[in-house]
Amino acid sequence: MAAILVPAVSSQAAGTASVAIVQGLGPSPNKLDVYVDSALVTNPGGLDYKSIATLPSVEEGNRTIFACEHVAAPPNPATDCGAALPVIPASNMPVTGGRSYTVVAAYTPTNANAGVPAFLQYEDDLTCSSATDSQLDFYHAAANTDPTENKLNVFYGDAQPLFPGLPPGGAGFGHGSPRTKDLQIVGATSSQQLLLVPNVKTTSQVLLIEIFVGNGIAGEDNVPFDVISRQVVLTGCPTTTTSSVVTTASSVSPLAVAPRFTG
């Protein structure tokens, strides 16, 4: 089952951003203690697989983020993992005020470090073109051993993929009328179904983010593919129902341009 957080709200104070930290390193139990600029930002009980920690007001600038294996009494503040096992080393997390980010603790999807835990940062699409606009972001944060299956075709109830050929680490952004359809994730080359998520519901003036996680790297502990979901309630939407297609690029990799989905 996909984990769904109580919806966040897209508005932030000037000079701050909303950051959601998603624990995509499975299987459970696998708790992490996550630090941003030396401050513990997860609860003292740790952040388990498929859980989300939402930071509503992160100051603009280059923040530093790292993750440690959870300990019973995590130090706060801390500049390193100390006696705890380091899981993800310190890395840069650039933040721009007024924006929303999803930062996923994931098995690196590609390159020489494929399968190694890392943070992947995505910028969420907060655009809202009409009173009935519903949005679906899809983030490819899973590792797969077969290079020919790294790219995904993502279907949302239609014969043609909503996000065709989505690359590892990539993001797709879709807008459309509210609907409830199955989300089907398929290897772009083999057409092999990797995951089917039934009855995925999009809602007017709400951004639904589906995050594809898992690890299929040969010789490592395989983690089955799964989807973690989160929602952001959008603010400042127009009151009219006329809308147009709007797409934005991810801060991780180029956007796979997607058609508008319909009811």
Protein backbone atom coordinates (compact mmCIF):
# COMPACT_ATOMS: atom_id res chain seq x y z
CA MET A 1 0.00 0.00 0.00
CA ALA A 2 1.18 3.53 -0.76
CA ALA A 3 1.68 5.79 2.22
CA ILE A 4 -0.33 9.03 2.10
CA LEU A 5 0.45 12.01 4.29
CA VAL A 6 -2.19 14.43 5.52
CA PRO A 7 -2.12 17.14 2.83
CA ALA A 8 0.33 19.99 3.20
CA VAL A 9 -0.47 23.51 2.00
CA SER A 10 1.49 25.20 -0.75
CA SER A 11 1.88 28.66 0.81
CA GLN A 12 5.10 29.69 2.56
CA ALA A 13 6.42 32.89 4.07
CA ALA A 14 8.71 34.97 1.87
CA GLY A 15 12.26 33.62 1.93
CA THR A 16 11.24 30.14 3.07
CA ALA A 17 10.24 26.93 1.29
CA SER A 18 8.34 23.79 2.16
CA VAL A 19 10.44 20.61 2.14
CA ALA A 20 9.05 17.09 2.49
CA ILE A 21 11.61 14.41 3.33
CA VAL A 22 10.44 10.99 2.10
CA GLN A 23 12.01 7.79 3.44
CA GLY A 24 12.25 5.59 0.35
CA LEU A 25 14.89 3.15 1.61
CA GLY A 26 13.16 -0.13 2.38
CA PRO A 27 12.23 -2.60 3.50
CA SER A 28 10.64 -1.75 6.83
CA PRO A 29 11.72 -1.51 9.59
CA ASN A 30 14.47 0.83 8.45
CA LYS A 31 14.43 4.00 10.52
CA LEU A 32 16.58 7.03 9.84
CA ASP A 33 17.54 10.13 11.80
CA VAL A 34 17.71 13.03 9.32
CA TYR A 35 19.53 16.30 9.93
CA VAL A 36 19.34 19.63 8.09
CA ASP A 37 22.07 22.12 8.99
CA SER A 38 22.90 20.01 12.07
CA ALA A 39 19.31 20.13 13.39
CA LEU A 40 17.38 16.88 13.83
CA VAL A 41 14.28 17.24 11.61
CA THR A 42 12.73 13.81 12.18
CA ASN A 43 10.96 12.81 15.36
CA PRO A 44 12.93 11.06 18.13
CA GLY A 45 11.41 7.73 17.11
CA GLY A 46 13.04 7.92 13.67
CA LEU A 47 11.67 8.07 10.13
CA ASP A 48 10.69 4.60 8.91
CA TYR A 49 10.34 3.37 5.33
CA LYS A 50 7.49 5.07 3.42
CA SER A 51 7.12 7.77 6.07
CA ILE A 52 7.31 11.51 5.39
CA ALA A 53 8.64 14.40 7.47
CA THR A 54 7.33 17.80 6.37
CA LEU A 55 9.35 20.94 7.07
CA PRO A 56 7.00 23.87 6.33
CA SER A 57 9.52 26.72 6.61
CA VAL A 58 13.07 26.02 5.49
CA GLU A 59 15.13 29.17 5.00
CA GLU A 60 16.28 29.99 1.50
CA GLY A 61 19.88 29.10 0.67
CA ASN A 62 22.17 26.08 0.42
CA ARG A 63 21.21 23.75 3.22
CA THR A 64 23.15 20.64 4.25
CA ILE A 65 21.30 17.35 4.73
CA PHE A 66 22.48 13.93 5.95
CA ALA A 67 20.95 10.76 7.38
CA CYS A 68 22.06 8.30 10.05
CA GLU A 69 20.80 4.94 11.20
CA HIS A 70 18.26 5.61 13.93
CA VAL A 71 19.42 5.45 17.54
CA ALA A 72 17.27 5.48 20.66
CA ALA A 73 18.28 9.01 21.66
CA PRO A 74 19.49 10.85 18.55
CA PRO A 75 21.69 13.85 19.39
CA ASN A 76 20.38 17.29 18.52
CA PRO A 77 22.20 19.20 17.15
CA ALA A 78 24.82 17.00 15.45
CA THR A 79 27.39 17.66 12.75
CA ASP A 80 27.83 13.98 11.88
CA CYS A 81 26.45 10.55 12.76
CA GLY A 82 28.87 10.00 15.63
CA ALA A 83 28.55 6.42 16.85
CA ALA A 84 25.53 5.78 14.62
CA LEU A 85 25.94 4.16 11.21
CA PRO A 86 26.01 6.80 8.42
CA VAL A 87 23.37 6.03 5.79
CA ILE A 88 23.54 9.08 3.49
CA PRO A 89 26.55 11.41 3.75
CA ALA A 90 26.19 15.17 3.95
CA SER A 91 25.04 16.71 0.67
CA ASN A 92 23.89 20.10 -0.59
CA MET A 93 20.16 20.90 -0.62
CA PRO A 94 19.54 24.21 -2.44
CA VAL A 95 16.30 25.92 -1.41
CA THR A 96 14.52 28.88 -3.01
CA GLY A 97 11.90 30.77 -1.05
CA GLY A 98 8.24 30.29 -1.98
CA ARG A 99 8.77 26.88 -3.55
CA SER A 100 7.96 23.31 -2.56
CA TYR A 101 10.42 20.41 -2.66
CA THR A 102 10.26 16.66 -2.23
CA VAL A 103 13.57 15.19 -1.04
CA VAL A 104 13.66 11.39 -1.30
CA ALA A 105 16.04 9.10 0.56
CA ALA A 106 16.40 6.61 -2.29
CA TYR A 107 18.60 3.98 -3.88
CA THR A 108 20.43 5.98 -6.56
CA PRO A 109 18.60 5.23 -9.82
CA THR A 110 21.57 5.33 -12.21
CA ASN A 111 25.29 6.02 -12.84
CA ALA A 112 28.30 4.38 -11.15
CA ASN A 113 26.64 4.75 -7.74
CA ALA A 114 23.42 2.98 -8.75
CA GLY A 115 21.81 1.35 -5.73
CA VAL A 116 23.76 3.44 -3.20
CA PRO A 117 21.54 5.44 -0.80
CA ALA A 118 21.37 9.14 -1.64
CA PHE A 119 19.02 12.10 -1.40
CA LEU A 120 17.17 13.00 -4.62
CA GLN A 121 15.67 16.49 -4.67
CA TYR A 122 12.62 17.36 -6.79
CA GLU A 123 10.83 20.69 -7.13
CA ASP A 124 7.06 20.25 -6.97
CA ASP A 125 4.70 21.84 -9.50
CA LEU A 126 2.56 24.38 -7.62
CA THR A 127 0.94 25.91 -10.70
CA CYS A 128 -2.86 25.91 -10.76
CA SER A 129 -4.63 26.96 -13.94
CA SER A 130 -8.32 26.73 -12.99
CA ALA A 131 -10.82 25.99 -10.25
CA THR A 132 -11.09 22.38 -11.45
CA ASP A 133 -7.41 21.78 -12.18
CA SER A 134 -6.05 18.62 -10.57
CA GLN A 135 -2.38 17.71 -10.74
CA LEU A 136 -0.28 14.57 -10.73
CA ASP A 137 3.50 14.62 -10.32
CA PHE A 138 5.43 11.36 -10.76
CA TYR A 139 9.03 11.00 -9.52
CA HIS A 140 11.20 8.07 -10.70
CA ALA A 141 13.38 7.40 -7.65
CA ALA A 142 13.93 3.63 -8.07
CA ALA A 143 17.06 1.68 -9.06
CA ASN A 144 16.93 -1.14 -11.60
CA THR A 145 19.74 -3.46 -12.67
CA ASP A 146 18.78 -3.69 -16.37
CA PRO A 147 19.75 -0.52 -18.28
CA THR A 148 17.08 -1.24 -20.87
CA GLU A 149 14.44 -1.07 -18.12
CA ASN A 150 15.65 2.10 -16.41
CA LYS A 151 13.14 4.18 -18.35
CA LEU A 152 9.46 3.96 -17.51
CA ASN A 153 6.16 4.37 -19.30
CA VAL A 154 3.64 5.60 -16.74
CA PHE A 155 -0.05 5.14 -17.59
CA TYR A 156 -2.96 6.81 -15.82
CA GLY A 157 -6.09 5.12 -17.12
CA ASP A 158 -5.43 5.81 -20.81
CA ALA A 159 -4.12 3.73 -23.72
CA GLN A 160 -1.17 6.11 -24.17
CA PRO A 161 1.30 6.74 -21.34
CA LEU A 162 0.91 9.98 -19.44
CA PHE A 163 4.69 10.03 -18.91
CA PRO A 164 6.47 8.15 -21.74
CA GLY A 165 10.11 7.15 -21.46
CA LEU A 166 10.64 8.71 -18.03
CA PRO A 167 14.38 8.45 -17.23
CA PRO A 168 15.92 7.33 -13.92
CA GLY A 169 15.71 10.18 -11.44
CA GLY A 170 13.29 11.99 -13.76
CA ALA A 171 9.99 13.68 -13.05
CA GLY A 172 6.73 14.07 -14.95
CA PHE A 173 4.06 16.70 -14.30
CA GLY A 174 0.45 16.31 -15.44
CA HIS A 175 -2.65 18.50 -15.19
CA GLY A 176 -6.26 17.59 -15.89
CA SER A 177 -9.79 17.14 -14.64
CA PRO A 178 -10.34 15.18 -11.41
CA ARG A 179 -10.52 11.45 -11.96
CA THR A 180 -9.94 8.06 -10.31
CA LYS A 181 -7.91 5.65 -12.45
CA ASP A 182 -5.30 2.93 -12.08
CA LEU A 183 -1.66 4.02 -12.17
CA GLN A 184 0.36 1.51 -14.19
CA ILE A 185 4.17 1.60 -14.21
CA VAL A 186 5.74 -0.30 -17.10
CA GLY A 187 9.27 -0.86 -18.39
CA ALA A 188 9.63 1.34 -21.46
CA THR A 189 11.50 -1.31 -23.50
CA SER A 190 9.98 -4.63 -22.48
CA SER A 191 6.47 -3.36 -21.62
CA GLN A 192 6.74 -5.46 -18.47
CA GLN A 193 4.44 -4.21 -15.74
CA LEU A 194 6.55 -3.26 -12.72
CA LEU A 195 3.75 -2.01 -10.48
CA LEU A 196 0.01 -1.43 -10.61
CA VAL A 197 -1.55 1.04 -8.16
CA PRO A 198 -5.37 0.82 -8.34
CA ASN A 199 -7.83 3.67 -7.94
CA VAL A 200 -5.47 6.63 -7.79
CA LYS A 201 -7.63 9.71 -7.22
CA THR A 202 -6.78 13.23 -8.35
CA THR A 203 -8.68 16.16 -6.82
CA SER A 204 -9.32 19.76 -7.86
CA GLN A 205 -6.75 22.23 -6.51
CA VAL A 206 -4.65 19.43 -5.02
CA LEU A 207 -1.24 18.25 -6.17
CA LEU A 208 -0.85 14.47 -5.85
CA ILE A 209 2.76 13.29 -5.93
CA GLU A 210 3.51 9.62 -6.62
CA ILE A 211 7.10 8.60 -5.84
CA PHE A 212 8.36 5.35 -7.39
CA VAL A 213 10.93 3.66 -5.11
CA GLY A 214 12.74 0.32 -4.81
CA ASN A 215 16.03 -1.37 -5.61
CA GLY A 216 16.58 -3.99 -8.32
CA ILE A 217 20.37 -3.79 -8.49
CA ALA A 218 21.87 -7.28 -8.91
CA GLY A 219 23.92 -8.55 -5.98
CA GLU A 220 22.30 -6.23 -3.46
CA ASP A 221 19.35 -6.55 -1.13
CA ASN A 222 16.47 -6.21 -3.55
CA VAL A 223 13.64 -4.00 -2.36
CA PRO A 224 10.34 -4.49 -4.21
CA PHE A 225 9.12 -1.55 -6.24
CA ASP A 226 6.49 0.56 -4.51
CA VAL A 227 4.88 3.99 -4.62
CA ILE A 228 4.85 6.53 -1.81
CA SER A 229 2.20 9.22 -2.12
CA ARG A 230 1.91 12.71 -0.74
CA GLN A 231 -0.50 15.57 -1.31
CA VAL A 232 -0.16 19.35 -1.38
CA VAL A 233 -3.25 21.56 -1.19
CA LEU A 234 -2.78 24.39 -3.70
CA THR A 235 -3.59 28.01 -2.93
CA GLY A 236 -4.42 30.95 -5.16
CA CYS A 237 -6.18 28.93 -7.87
CA PRO A 238 -8.34 30.86 -10.39
CA THR A 239 -12.09 30.79 -9.88
CA THR A 240 -12.82 30.10 -13.56
CA THR A 241 -12.90 26.63 -15.11
CA THR A 242 -10.97 27.55 -18.27
CA SER A 243 -7.52 25.99 -18.12
CA SER A 244 -4.46 25.28 -20.20
CA VAL A 245 -1.66 22.75 -20.03
CA VAL A 246 1.21 23.89 -17.82
CA THR A 247 4.42 21.93 -17.29
CA THR A 248 7.52 22.76 -15.27
CA ALA A 249 10.94 21.15 -15.08
CA SER A 250 12.27 19.16 -12.17
CA SER A 251 15.43 20.22 -10.38
CA VAL A 252 16.69 16.63 -10.72
CA SER A 253 16.43 15.88 -14.43
CA PRO A 254 14.59 17.03 -17.56
CA LEU A 255 10.84 16.73 -17.63
CA ALA A 256 9.27 14.04 -19.76
CA VAL A 257 6.62 16.20 -21.42
CA ALA A 258 3.20 14.69 -20.79
CA PRO A 259 -0.22 15.16 -22.39
CA ARG A 260 -3.10 16.45 -20.35
CA PHE A 261 -5.16 13.74 -18.69
CA THR A 262 -8.94 13.84 -19.06
CA GLY A 263 -11.85 12.53 -17.11
